[in-house]
Amino acid sequence: MKPVLPHISPRSTVAGLFLAGLVLATALPASAMPGAGKTPRAITEAQQDLPPEVKGVDVQEHLGEMVPKDARFMDMEGREVKLGDVLSKTKPTLLTLVYYNCPMLCNLVLNAQVQAMRELGLELGEDYESVTVSIDPEDTPAQSMERRRRHLQSMGKPESAPWHFLTGTEGEIHRLAEALGFKYTYDASTKQYAHPAVVHVLTPEGSISRYLYGTTFPPKDMKLAILEAANGRVGTSFDQIVMSCFKYDTASRRYGFYIFGFIRLGGILVFTALATMLIYFWRRELKKGAAA
């Protein structure tokens, strides 16, 4: 005896597809990673053995909090601007705090940022923008202009590219640093600033989305941080699929493979295949009925 397949009506097919889609959409939500608002353990442990002049250097993550858009700085042309004037309203922003007479660390951070930006697969100006603020109130717009020119040139970008270099007063610099949780100190004996090595990733609304630490930034991590901050507003459809399979690990301070995202992606692919098959058989049954 041949097996008999149950008759599938168009109405039950549509209802089944809707129910399956609803289950897949809600069964495996992307969970938020722990550690929001906490100083990474690696930074806390490193503080214990630091010399006195850099004991105050720290990063206290303020994820989700807004930067002060009304803070006033000077742009490369010497014009006063508000921070909100140079932040993109539609794209994420990479925000770095450095100073121009830094003997080593600032150059390492900016050079690593440039290197990662060159390998992102995303375009400065189209997918994201960048802002660099000096923490030294003695730095000048002329120095901003020179640093900006040098870094854009190394990336092969035109002078019109949206990477803003700003200087400001001690009060406004401190206000921005406090909002970011960026703790730095000034050592009068060496006339140098001790500060963390970090790139801040901001959402188009101006809230803090992610902190990227160190003097090297894997392009994958920076790209995923930008896509995460954009919340689907930049990147390709494939980028959004890849993003669902990675989550930020606060312990390693890297984006790692996210098994539940992969499972959910697999479930969606299975659902799509089943839906295609059911629609094929449904249309074939309709054609048979019309021919009878």
C-alpha atoms as a PDB file:
ATOM      1  CA  MET A   1       0.000   0.000   0.000  1.00  0.00           C
ATOM      2  CA  LYS A   2       1.324   3.390  -0.926  1.00  0.00           C
ATOM      3  CA  PRO A   3       1.615   5.919   1.900  1.00  0.00           C
ATOM      4  CA  VAL A   4      -1.059   8.593   1.757  1.00  0.00           C
ATOM      5  CA  LEU A   5       0.034  12.187   2.312  1.00  0.00           C
ATOM      6  CA  PRO A   6      -2.449  14.387   4.194  1.00  0.00           C
ATOM      7  CA  HIS A   7      -4.154  17.040   2.109  1.00  0.00           C
ATOM      8  CA  ILE A   8      -2.728  20.507   2.735  1.00  0.00           C
ATOM      9  CA  SER A   9      -5.172  23.315   2.154  1.00  0.00           C
ATOM     10  CA  PRO A  10      -3.961  26.808   1.196  1.00  0.00           C
ATOM     11  CA  ARG A  11      -5.456  28.251   4.390  1.00  0.00           C
ATOM     12  CA  SER A  12      -3.693  25.746   6.669  1.00  0.00           C
ATOM     13  CA  THR A  13      -0.424  26.282   4.775  1.00  0.00           C
ATOM     14  CA  VAL A  14      -0.480  30.049   5.345  1.00  0.00           C
ATOM     15  CA  ALA A  15      -1.404  29.589   9.015  1.00  0.00           C
ATOM     16  CA  GLY A  16       1.372  27.053   9.483  1.00  0.00           C
ATOM     17  CA  LEU A  17       3.957  29.300   7.897  1.00  0.00           C
ATOM     18  CA  PHE A  18       2.896  32.228  10.056  1.00  0.00           C
ATOM     19  CA  LEU A  19       3.072  30.139  13.234  1.00  0.00           C
ATOM     20  CA  ALA A  20       6.492  28.722  12.337  1.00  0.00           C
ATOM     21  CA  GLY A  21       7.838  32.190  11.599  1.00  0.00           C
ATOM     22  CA  LEU A  22       6.497  33.517  14.882  1.00  0.00           C
ATOM     23  CA  VAL A  23       8.144  30.724  16.853  1.00  0.00           C
ATOM     24  CA  LEU A  24      11.503  31.251  15.128  1.00  0.00           C
ATOM     25  CA  ALA A  25      11.367  34.993  15.716  1.00  0.00           C
ATOM     26  CA  THR A  26      10.705  34.701  19.439  1.00  0.00           C
ATOM     27  CA  ALA A  27      12.228  31.436  20.600  1.00  0.00           C
ATOM     28  CA  LEU A  28      15.866  32.519  20.506  1.00  0.00           C
ATOM     29  CA  PRO A  29      16.169  36.245  21.246  1.00  0.00           C
ATOM     30  CA  ALA A  30      19.642  37.788  21.137  1.00  0.00           C
ATOM     31  CA  SER A  31      20.625  38.227  24.775  1.00  0.00           C
ATOM     32  CA  ALA A  32      22.588  41.229  25.986  1.00  0.00           C
ATOM     33  CA  MET A  33      26.119  40.416  27.087  1.00  0.00           C
ATOM     34  CA  PRO A  34      26.988  40.897  30.771  1.00  0.00           C
ATOM     35  CA  GLY A  35      29.408  43.516  31.990  1.00  0.00           C
ATOM     36  CA  ALA A  36      27.716  46.704  30.782  1.00  0.00           C
ATOM     37  CA  GLY A  37      28.937  49.660  32.791  1.00  0.00           C
ATOM     38  CA  LYS A  38      31.798  47.750  34.445  1.00  0.00           C
ATOM     39  CA  THR A  39      35.492  48.368  34.069  1.00  0.00           C
ATOM     40  CA  PRO A  40      37.039  45.399  32.224  1.00  0.00           C
ATOM     41  CA  ARG A  41      38.846  43.047  34.613  1.00  0.00           C
ATOM     42  CA  ALA A  42      42.103  43.285  32.668  1.00  0.00           C
ATOM     43  CA  ILE A  43      42.209  47.043  33.243  1.00  0.00           C
ATOM     44  CA  THR A  44      41.337  46.711  36.939  1.00  0.00           C
ATOM     45  CA  GLU A  45      44.061  44.113  37.529  1.00  0.00           C
ATOM     46  CA  ALA A  46      46.635  46.103  35.600  1.00  0.00           C
ATOM     47  CA  GLN A  47      45.980  49.116  37.843  1.00  0.00           C
ATOM     48  CA  GLN A  48      47.324  47.275  40.902  1.00  0.00           C
ATOM     49  CA  ASP A  49      50.935  47.338  39.732  1.00  0.00           C
ATOM     50  CA  LEU A  50      51.029  50.778  38.131  1.00  0.00           C
ATOM     51  CA  PRO A  51      53.381  53.554  39.314  1.00  0.00           C
ATOM     52  CA  PRO A  52      51.735  56.392  41.319  1.00  0.00           C
ATOM     53  CA  GLU A  53      51.645  58.879  38.425  1.00  0.00           C
ATOM     54  CA  VAL A  54      49.290  56.672  36.405  1.00  0.00           C
ATOM     55  CA  LYS A  55      47.130  55.254  39.188  1.00  0.00           C
ATOM     56  CA  GLY A  56      44.226  57.423  38.060  1.00  0.00           C
ATOM     57  CA  VAL A  57      44.222  56.086  34.501  1.00  0.00           C
ATOM     58  CA  ASP A  58      41.139  53.992  33.949  1.00  0.00           C
ATOM     59  CA  VAL A  59      38.082  53.361  31.798  1.00  0.00           C
ATOM     60  CA  GLN A  60      34.680  53.166  33.431  1.00  0.00           C
ATOM     61  CA  GLU A  61      32.303  52.046  30.724  1.00  0.00           C
ATOM     62  CA  HIS A  62      29.165  54.153  30.355  1.00  0.00           C
ATOM     63  CA  LEU A  63      27.434  52.032  27.754  1.00  0.00           C
ATOM     64  CA  GLY A  64      24.186  53.505  26.521  1.00  0.00           C
ATOM     65  CA  GLU A  65      24.853  56.978  27.958  1.00  0.00           C
ATOM     66  CA  MET A  66      24.940  60.090  25.805  1.00  0.00           C
ATOM     67  CA  VAL A  67      27.996  62.201  25.108  1.00  0.00           C
ATOM     68  CA  PRO A  68      27.581  65.950  25.758  1.00  0.00           C
ATOM     69  CA  LYS A  69      26.615  67.216  22.321  1.00  0.00           C
ATOM     70  CA  ASP A  70      26.650  70.810  23.533  1.00  0.00           C
ATOM     71  CA  ALA A  71      30.317  70.633  24.595  1.00  0.00           C
ATOM     72  CA  ARG A  72      32.267  73.314  22.715  1.00  0.00           C
ATOM     73  CA  PHE A  73      35.551  72.765  20.886  1.00  0.00           C
ATOM     74  CA  MET A  74      37.662  74.311  18.136  1.00  0.00           C
ATOM     75  CA  ASP A  75      37.797  72.659  14.718  1.00  0.00           C
ATOM     76  CA  MET A  76      40.807  72.515  12.371  1.00  0.00           C
ATOM     77  CA  GLU A  77      39.968  75.963  10.987  1.00  0.00           C
ATOM     78  CA  GLY A  78      39.897  77.515  14.465  1.00  0.00           C
ATOM     79  CA  ARG A  79      36.103  77.849  14.482  1.00  0.00           C
ATOM     80  CA  GLU A  80      34.101  77.064  17.599  1.00  0.00           C
ATOM     81  CA  VAL A  81      31.797  74.091  17.126  1.00  0.00           C
ATOM     82  CA  LYS A  82      29.585  71.989  19.326  1.00  0.00           C
ATOM     83  CA  LEU A  83      30.385  68.311  19.543  1.00  0.00           C
ATOM     84  CA  GLY A  84      26.915  67.568  18.177  1.00  0.00           C
ATOM     85  CA  ASP A  85      27.738  69.614  15.073  1.00  0.00           C
ATOM     86  CA  VAL A  86      30.495  67.223  14.003  1.00  0.00           C
ATOM     87  CA  LEU A  87      28.824  63.956  15.027  1.00  0.00           C
ATOM     88  CA  SER A  88      26.934  62.197  12.261  1.00  0.00           C
ATOM     89  CA  LYS A  89      23.159  62.095  12.700  1.00  0.00           C
ATOM     90  CA  THR A  90      22.728  59.000  10.531  1.00  0.00           C
ATOM     91  CA  LYS A  91      25.921  56.955  10.945  1.00  0.00           C
ATOM     92  CA  PRO A  92      28.060  55.636  13.825  1.00  0.00           C
ATOM     93  CA  THR A  93      31.132  57.591  14.895  1.00  0.00           C
ATOM     94  CA  LEU A  94      34.565  56.397  16.030  1.00  0.00           C
ATOM     95  CA  LEU A  95      35.609  58.778  18.825  1.00  0.00           C
ATOM     96  CA  THR A  96      39.173  58.879  20.148  1.00  0.00           C
ATOM     97  CA  LEU A  97      40.782  61.015  22.865  1.00  0.00           C
ATOM     98  CA  VAL A  98      44.516  61.660  22.364  1.00  0.00           C
ATOM     99  CA  TYR A  99      46.960  64.569  22.489  1.00  0.00           C
ATOM    100  CA  TYR A 100      49.336  65.719  19.820  1.00  0.00           C
ATOM    101  CA  ASN A 101      52.605  65.826  21.808  1.00  0.00           C
ATOM    102  CA  CYS A 102      52.157  62.292  23.096  1.00  0.00           C
ATOM    103  CA  PRO A 103      55.531  60.538  22.729  1.00  0.00           C
ATOM    104  CA  MET A 104      54.156  57.099  21.873  1.00  0.00           C
ATOM    105  CA  LEU A 105      50.738  55.784  22.919  1.00  0.00           C
ATOM    106  CA  CYS A 106      48.528  58.226  20.998  1.00  0.00           C
ATOM    107  CA  ASN A 107      50.435  57.554  17.790  1.00  0.00           C
ATOM    108  CA  LEU A 108      50.052  53.809  18.322  1.00  0.00           C
ATOM    109  CA  VAL A 109      46.300  54.159  18.873  1.00  0.00           C
ATOM    110  CA  LEU A 110      45.688  56.432  15.872  1.00  0.00           C
ATOM    111  CA  ASN A 111      47.921  54.416  13.561  1.00  0.00           C
ATOM    112  CA  ALA A 112      46.156  51.210  14.627  1.00  0.00           C
ATOM    113  CA  GLN A 113      42.796  52.886  14.069  1.00  0.00           C
ATOM    114  CA  VAL A 114      43.857  53.955  10.585  1.00  0.00           C
ATOM    115  CA  GLN A 115      45.118  50.463   9.790  1.00  0.00           C
ATOM    116  CA  ALA A 116      41.819  48.894  10.881  1.00  0.00           C
ATOM    117  CA  MET A 117      39.786  51.506   8.977  1.00  0.00           C
ATOM    118  CA  ARG A 118      41.677  50.653   5.802  1.00  0.00           C
ATOM    119  CA  GLU A 119      40.687  46.982   6.138  1.00  0.00           C
ATOM    120  CA  LEU A 120      37.100  47.302   7.382  1.00  0.00           C
ATOM    121  CA  GLY A 121      35.268  46.824   4.134  1.00  0.00           C
ATOM    122  CA  LEU A 122      33.273  49.894   5.167  1.00  0.00           C
ATOM    123  CA  GLU A 123      33.725  53.403   3.802  1.00  0.00           C
ATOM    124  CA  LEU A 124      34.528  56.460   5.882  1.00  0.00           C
ATOM    125  CA  GLY A 125      31.746  58.942   5.164  1.00  0.00           C
ATOM    126  CA  GLU A 126      29.352  56.388   3.718  1.00  0.00           C
ATOM    127  CA  ASP A 127      29.105  53.903   6.588  1.00  0.00           C
ATOM    128  CA  TYR A 128      30.647  55.730   9.548  1.00  0.00           C
ATOM    129  CA  GLU A 129      32.526  58.885  10.533  1.00  0.00           C
ATOM    130  CA  SER A 130      35.359  59.679  12.936  1.00  0.00           C
ATOM    131  CA  VAL A 131      36.133  62.358  15.531  1.00  0.00           C
ATOM    132  CA  THR A 132      39.393  62.822  17.444  1.00  0.00           C
ATOM    133  CA  VAL A 133      39.586  65.194  20.418  1.00  0.00           C
ATOM    134  CA  SER A 134      42.796  66.352  22.082  1.00  0.00           C
ATOM    135  CA  ILE A 135      42.900  66.105  25.888  1.00  0.00           C
ATOM    136  CA  ASP A 136      45.641  68.756  26.043  1.00  0.00           C
ATOM    137  CA  PRO A 137      44.183  72.287  26.201  1.00  0.00           C
ATOM    138  CA  GLU A 138      47.527  73.601  24.875  1.00  0.00           C
ATOM    139  CA  ASP A 139      47.079  71.807  21.539  1.00  0.00           C
ATOM    140  CA  THR A 140      46.086  74.050  18.621  1.00  0.00           C
ATOM    141  CA  PRO A 141      43.839  73.912  15.539  1.00  0.00           C
ATOM    142  CA  ALA A 142      46.975  74.060  13.373  1.00  0.00           C
ATOM    143  CA  GLN A 143      48.150  70.799  14.957  1.00  0.00           C
ATOM    144  CA  SER A 144      44.692  69.344  14.369  1.00  0.00           C
ATOM    145  CA  MET A 145      44.941  70.247  10.699  1.00  0.00           C
ATOM    146  CA  GLU A 146      48.349  68.612  10.342  1.00  0.00           C
ATOM    147  CA  ARG A 147      47.336  65.385  12.100  1.00  0.00           C
ATOM    148  CA  ARG A 148      44.129  65.162  10.097  1.00  0.00           C
ATOM    149  CA  ARG A 149      45.954  65.706   6.803  1.00  0.00           C
ATOM    150  CA  ARG A 150      48.537  63.059   7.646  1.00  0.00           C
ATOM    151  CA  HIS A 151      46.056  60.354   8.623  1.00  0.00           C
ATOM    152  CA  LEU A 152      43.663  60.970   5.719  1.00  0.00           C
ATOM    153  CA  GLN A 153      46.598  60.896   3.339  1.00  0.00           C
ATOM    154  CA  SER A 154      47.752  57.536   4.725  1.00  0.00           C
ATOM    155  CA  MET A 155      44.253  56.178   4.055  1.00  0.00           C
ATOM    156  CA  GLY A 156      44.111  57.622   0.553  1.00  0.00           C
ATOM    157  CA  LYS A 157      41.114  59.786   1.527  1.00  0.00           C
ATOM    158  CA  PRO A 158      40.399  63.329   0.308  1.00  0.00           C
ATOM    159  CA  GLU A 159      40.561  66.381   2.545  1.00  0.00           C
ATOM    160  CA  SER A 160      36.777  66.457   2.564  1.00  0.00           C
ATOM    161  CA  ALA A 161      36.510  63.089   4.349  1.00  0.00           C
ATOM    162  CA  PRO A 162      34.506  63.320   7.619  1.00  0.00           C
ATOM    163  CA  TRP A 163      37.247  62.827  10.197  1.00  0.00           C
ATOM    164  CA  HIS A 164      37.190  65.815  12.549  1.00  0.00           C
ATOM    165  CA  PHE A 165      40.111  66.745  14.826  1.00  0.00           C
ATOM    166  CA  LEU A 166      39.150  69.027  17.702  1.00  0.00           C
ATOM    167  CA  THR A 167      40.860  70.975  20.484  1.00  0.00           C
ATOM    168  CA  GLY A 168      39.272  72.662  23.491  1.00  0.00           C
ATOM    169  CA  THR A 169      39.485  74.109  26.948  1.00  0.00           C
ATOM    170  CA  GLU A 170      40.317  71.999  29.977  1.00  0.00           C
ATOM    171  CA  GLY A 171      36.741  72.236  31.273  1.00  0.00           C
ATOM    172  CA  GLU A 172      35.089  71.043  28.066  1.00  0.00           C
ATOM    173  CA  ILE A 173      37.662  68.295  27.531  1.00  0.00           C
ATOM    174  CA  HIS A 174      37.127  67.034  31.072  1.00  0.00           C
ATOM    175  CA  ARG A 175      33.366  67.129  30.578  1.00  0.00           C
ATOM    176  CA  LEU A 176      33.575  64.889  27.518  1.00  0.00           C
ATOM    177  CA  ALA A 177      36.081  62.553  29.178  1.00  0.00           C
ATOM    178  CA  GLU A 178      33.845  62.158  32.224  1.00  0.00           C
ATOM    179  CA  ALA A 179      30.863  61.290  30.037  1.00  0.00           C
ATOM    180  CA  LEU A 180      32.933  58.599  28.314  1.00  0.00           C
ATOM    181  CA  GLY A 181      34.426  57.263  31.557  1.00  0.00           C
ATOM    182  CA  PHE A 182      37.878  58.103  30.170  1.00  0.00           C
ATOM    183  CA  LYS A 183      40.154  58.693  33.186  1.00  0.00           C
ATOM    184  CA  TYR A 184      43.478  60.385  32.525  1.00  0.00           C
ATOM    185  CA  THR A 185      46.073  62.256  34.584  1.00  0.00           C
ATOM    186  CA  TYR A 186      48.775  64.852  33.964  1.00  0.00           C
ATOM    187  CA  ASP A 187      52.319  64.200  35.188  1.00  0.00           C
ATOM    188  CA  ALA A 188      53.935  67.587  35.833  1.00  0.00           C
ATOM    189  CA  SER A 189      57.432  66.092  36.132  1.00  0.00           C
ATOM    190  CA  THR A 190      57.391  64.784  32.560  1.00  0.00           C
ATOM    191  CA  LYS A 191      54.775  67.222  31.226  1.00  0.00           C
ATOM    192  CA  GLN A 192      52.922  64.289  29.715  1.00  0.00           C
ATOM    193  CA  TYR A 193      49.426  62.846  30.044  1.00  0.00           C
ATOM    194  CA  ALA A 194      48.853  59.278  31.174  1.00  0.00           C
ATOM    195  CA  HIS A 195      45.703  57.926  29.558  1.00  0.00           C
ATOM    196  CA  PRO A 196      43.995  54.732  28.366  1.00  0.00           C
ATOM    197  CA  ALA A 197      44.242  53.354  24.830  1.00  0.00           C
ATOM    198  CA  VAL A 198      40.664  53.079  23.613  1.00  0.00           C
ATOM    199  CA  VAL A 199      38.388  53.864  20.678  1.00  0.00           C
ATOM    200  CA  HIS A 200      34.790  54.704  21.554  1.00  0.00           C
ATOM    201  CA  VAL A 201      32.023  53.701  19.162  1.00  0.00           C
ATOM    202  CA  LEU A 202      28.983  55.995  19.198  1.00  0.00           C
ATOM    203  CA  THR A 203      25.522  55.436  17.767  1.00  0.00           C
ATOM    204  CA  PRO A 204      24.016  57.969  15.334  1.00  0.00           C
ATOM    205  CA  GLU A 205      22.056  59.319  18.306  1.00  0.00           C
ATOM    206  CA  GLY A 206      25.283  60.031  20.197  1.00  0.00           C
ATOM    207  CA  SER A 207      25.121  57.290  22.822  1.00  0.00           C
ATOM    208  CA  ILE A 208      28.107  55.105  23.724  1.00  0.00           C
ATOM    209  CA  SER A 209      27.741  51.705  22.085  1.00  0.00           C
ATOM    210  CA  ARG A 210      31.114  50.000  22.508  1.00  0.00           C
ATOM    211  CA  TYR A 211      34.690  50.447  23.764  1.00  0.00           C
ATOM    212  CA  LEU A 212      37.568  48.985  21.729  1.00  0.00           C
ATOM    213  CA  TYR A 213      40.772  48.680  23.740  1.00  0.00           C
ATOM    214  CA  GLY A 214      44.471  48.402  22.979  1.00  0.00           C
ATOM    215  CA  THR A 215      46.990  49.518  20.413  1.00  0.00           C
ATOM    216  CA  THR A 216      45.782  47.088  17.763  1.00  0.00           C
ATOM    217  CA  PHE A 217      42.201  46.821  16.564  1.00  0.00           C
ATOM    218  CA  PRO A 218      41.233  43.723  14.574  1.00  0.00           C
ATOM    219  CA  PRO A 219      39.232  44.957  11.565  1.00  0.00           C
ATOM    220  CA  LYS A 220      36.572  42.327  12.286  1.00  0.00           C
ATOM    221  CA  ASP A 221      35.990  43.736  15.789  1.00  0.00           C
ATOM    222  CA  MET A 222      35.837  47.332  14.612  1.00  0.00           C
ATOM    223  CA  LYS A 223      33.490  46.464  11.754  1.00  0.00           C
ATOM    224  CA  LEU A 224      31.140  44.506  14.010  1.00  0.00           C
ATOM    225  CA  ALA A 225      31.165  47.354  16.544  1.00  0.00           C
ATOM    226  CA  ILE A 226      30.196  49.825  13.816  1.00  0.00           C
ATOM    227  CA  LEU A 227      27.436  47.537  12.527  1.00  0.00           C
ATOM    228  CA  GLU A 228      26.192  47.028  16.074  1.00  0.00           C
ATOM    229  CA  ALA A 229      26.115  50.778  16.746  1.00  0.00           C
ATOM    230  CA  ALA A 230      24.334  51.398  13.445  1.00  0.00           C
ATOM    231  CA  ASN A 231      21.566  48.919  14.326  1.00  0.00           C
ATOM    232  CA  GLY A 232      21.128  47.846  10.723  1.00  0.00           C
ATOM    233  CA  ARG A 233      21.480  51.285   9.165  1.00  0.00           C
ATOM    234  CA  VAL A 234      24.806  50.626   7.441  1.00  0.00           C
ATOM    235  CA  GLY A 235      26.460  47.639   5.796  1.00  0.00           C
ATOM    236  CA  THR A 236      25.099  45.039   3.422  1.00  0.00           C
ATOM    237  CA  SER A 237      22.424  42.439   4.086  1.00  0.00           C
ATOM    238  CA  PHE A 238      25.187  39.856   4.421  1.00  0.00           C
ATOM    239  CA  ASP A 239      26.857  42.024   7.093  1.00  0.00           C
ATOM    240  CA  GLN A 240      23.639  41.949   9.118  1.00  0.00           C
ATOM    241  CA  ILE A 241      23.493  38.141   8.854  1.00  0.00           C
ATOM    242  CA  VAL A 242      27.107  37.841  10.010  1.00  0.00           C
ATOM    243  CA  MET A 243      26.420  40.262  12.866  1.00  0.00           C
ATOM    244  CA  SER A 244      23.732  37.929  14.242  1.00  0.00           C
ATOM    245  CA  CYS A 245      26.367  35.187  14.673  1.00  0.00           C
ATOM    246  CA  PHE A 246      28.773  37.277  16.767  1.00  0.00           C
ATOM    247  CA  LYS A 247      28.528  38.859  20.213  1.00  0.00           C
ATOM    248  CA  TYR A 248      30.925  41.030  22.187  1.00  0.00           C
ATOM    249  CA  ASP A 249      32.680  39.154  25.004  1.00  0.00           C
ATOM    250  CA  THR A 250      33.476  41.570  27.843  1.00  0.00           C
ATOM    251  CA  ALA A 251      36.081  39.194  29.295  1.00  0.00           C
ATOM    252  CA  SER A 252      38.227  38.939  26.161  1.00  0.00           C
ATOM    253  CA  ARG A 253      37.110  42.363  24.832  1.00  0.00           C
ATOM    254  CA  ARG A 254      36.585  40.778  21.440  1.00  0.00           C
ATOM    255  CA  TYR A 255      33.660  39.718  19.288  1.00  0.00           C
ATOM    256  CA  GLY A 256      33.252  35.960  19.403  1.00  0.00           C
ATOM    257  CA  PHE A 257      31.125  33.323  17.714  1.00  0.00           C
ATOM    258  CA  TYR A 258      27.579  33.331  19.118  1.00  0.00           C
ATOM    259  CA  ILE A 259      26.115  29.835  18.983  1.00  0.00           C
ATOM    260  CA  PHE A 260      22.504  30.892  19.533  1.00  0.00           C
ATOM    261  CA  GLY A 261      22.755  33.384  16.708  1.00  0.00           C
ATOM    262  CA  PHE A 262      24.065  30.626  14.468  1.00  0.00           C
ATOM    263  CA  ILE A 263      21.249  28.304  15.567  1.00  0.00           C
ATOM    264  CA  ARG A 264      18.670  30.989  14.880  1.00  0.00           C
ATOM    265  CA  LEU A 265      20.202  31.640  11.451  1.00  0.00           C
ATOM    266  CA  GLY A 266      20.047  27.899  10.742  1.00  0.00           C
ATOM    267  CA  GLY A 267      16.415  27.822  11.862  1.00  0.00           C
ATOM    268  CA  ILE A 268      15.558  30.657   9.511  1.00  0.00           C
ATOM    269  CA  LEU A 269      17.250  28.846   6.618  1.00  0.00           C
ATOM    270  CA  VAL A 270      15.315  25.639   7.411  1.00  0.00           C
ATOM    271  CA  PHE A 271      12.072  27.609   7.668  1.00  0.00           C
ATOM    272  CA  THR A 272      12.770  29.253   4.293  1.00  0.00           C
ATOM    273  CA  ALA A 273      13.444  25.873   2.672  1.00  0.00           C
ATOM    274  CA  LEU A 274      10.260  24.352   4.137  1.00  0.00           C
ATOM    275  CA  ALA A 275       8.203  27.366   3.126  1.00  0.00           C
ATOM    276  CA  THR A 276       9.512  27.157  -0.429  1.00  0.00           C
ATOM    277  CA  MET A 277       8.694  23.462  -0.613  1.00  0.00           C
ATOM    278  CA  LEU A 278       5.182  23.899   0.804  1.00  0.00           C
ATOM    279  CA  ILE A 279       4.403  26.781  -1.542  1.00  0.00           C
ATOM    280  CA  TYR A 280       5.624  24.670  -4.484  1.00  0.00           C
ATOM    281  CA  PHE A 281       3.281  21.766  -3.590  1.00  0.00           C
ATOM    282  CA  TRP A 282       0.431  24.182  -2.835  1.00  0.00           C
ATOM    283  CA  ARG A 283       0.715  25.832  -6.262  1.00  0.00           C
ATOM    284  CA  ARG A 284       0.940  22.437  -7.947  1.00  0.00           C
ATOM    285  CA  GLU A 285      -2.278  21.323  -6.218  1.00  0.00           C
ATOM    286  CA  LEU A 286      -4.007  24.509  -7.343  1.00  0.00           C
ATOM    287  CA  LYS A 287      -2.940  23.895 -10.931  1.00  0.00           C
ATOM    288  CA  LYS A 288      -4.215  20.302 -10.769  1.00  0.00           C
ATOM    289  CA  GLY A 289      -7.556  21.505  -9.410  1.00  0.00           C
ATOM    290  CA  ALA A 290      -7.880  24.090 -12.136  1.00  0.00           C
ATOM    291  CA  ALA A 291      -7.123  21.482 -14.837  1.00  0.00           C
ATOM    292  CA  ALA A 292      -9.654  18.929 -13.497  1.00  0.00           C
END
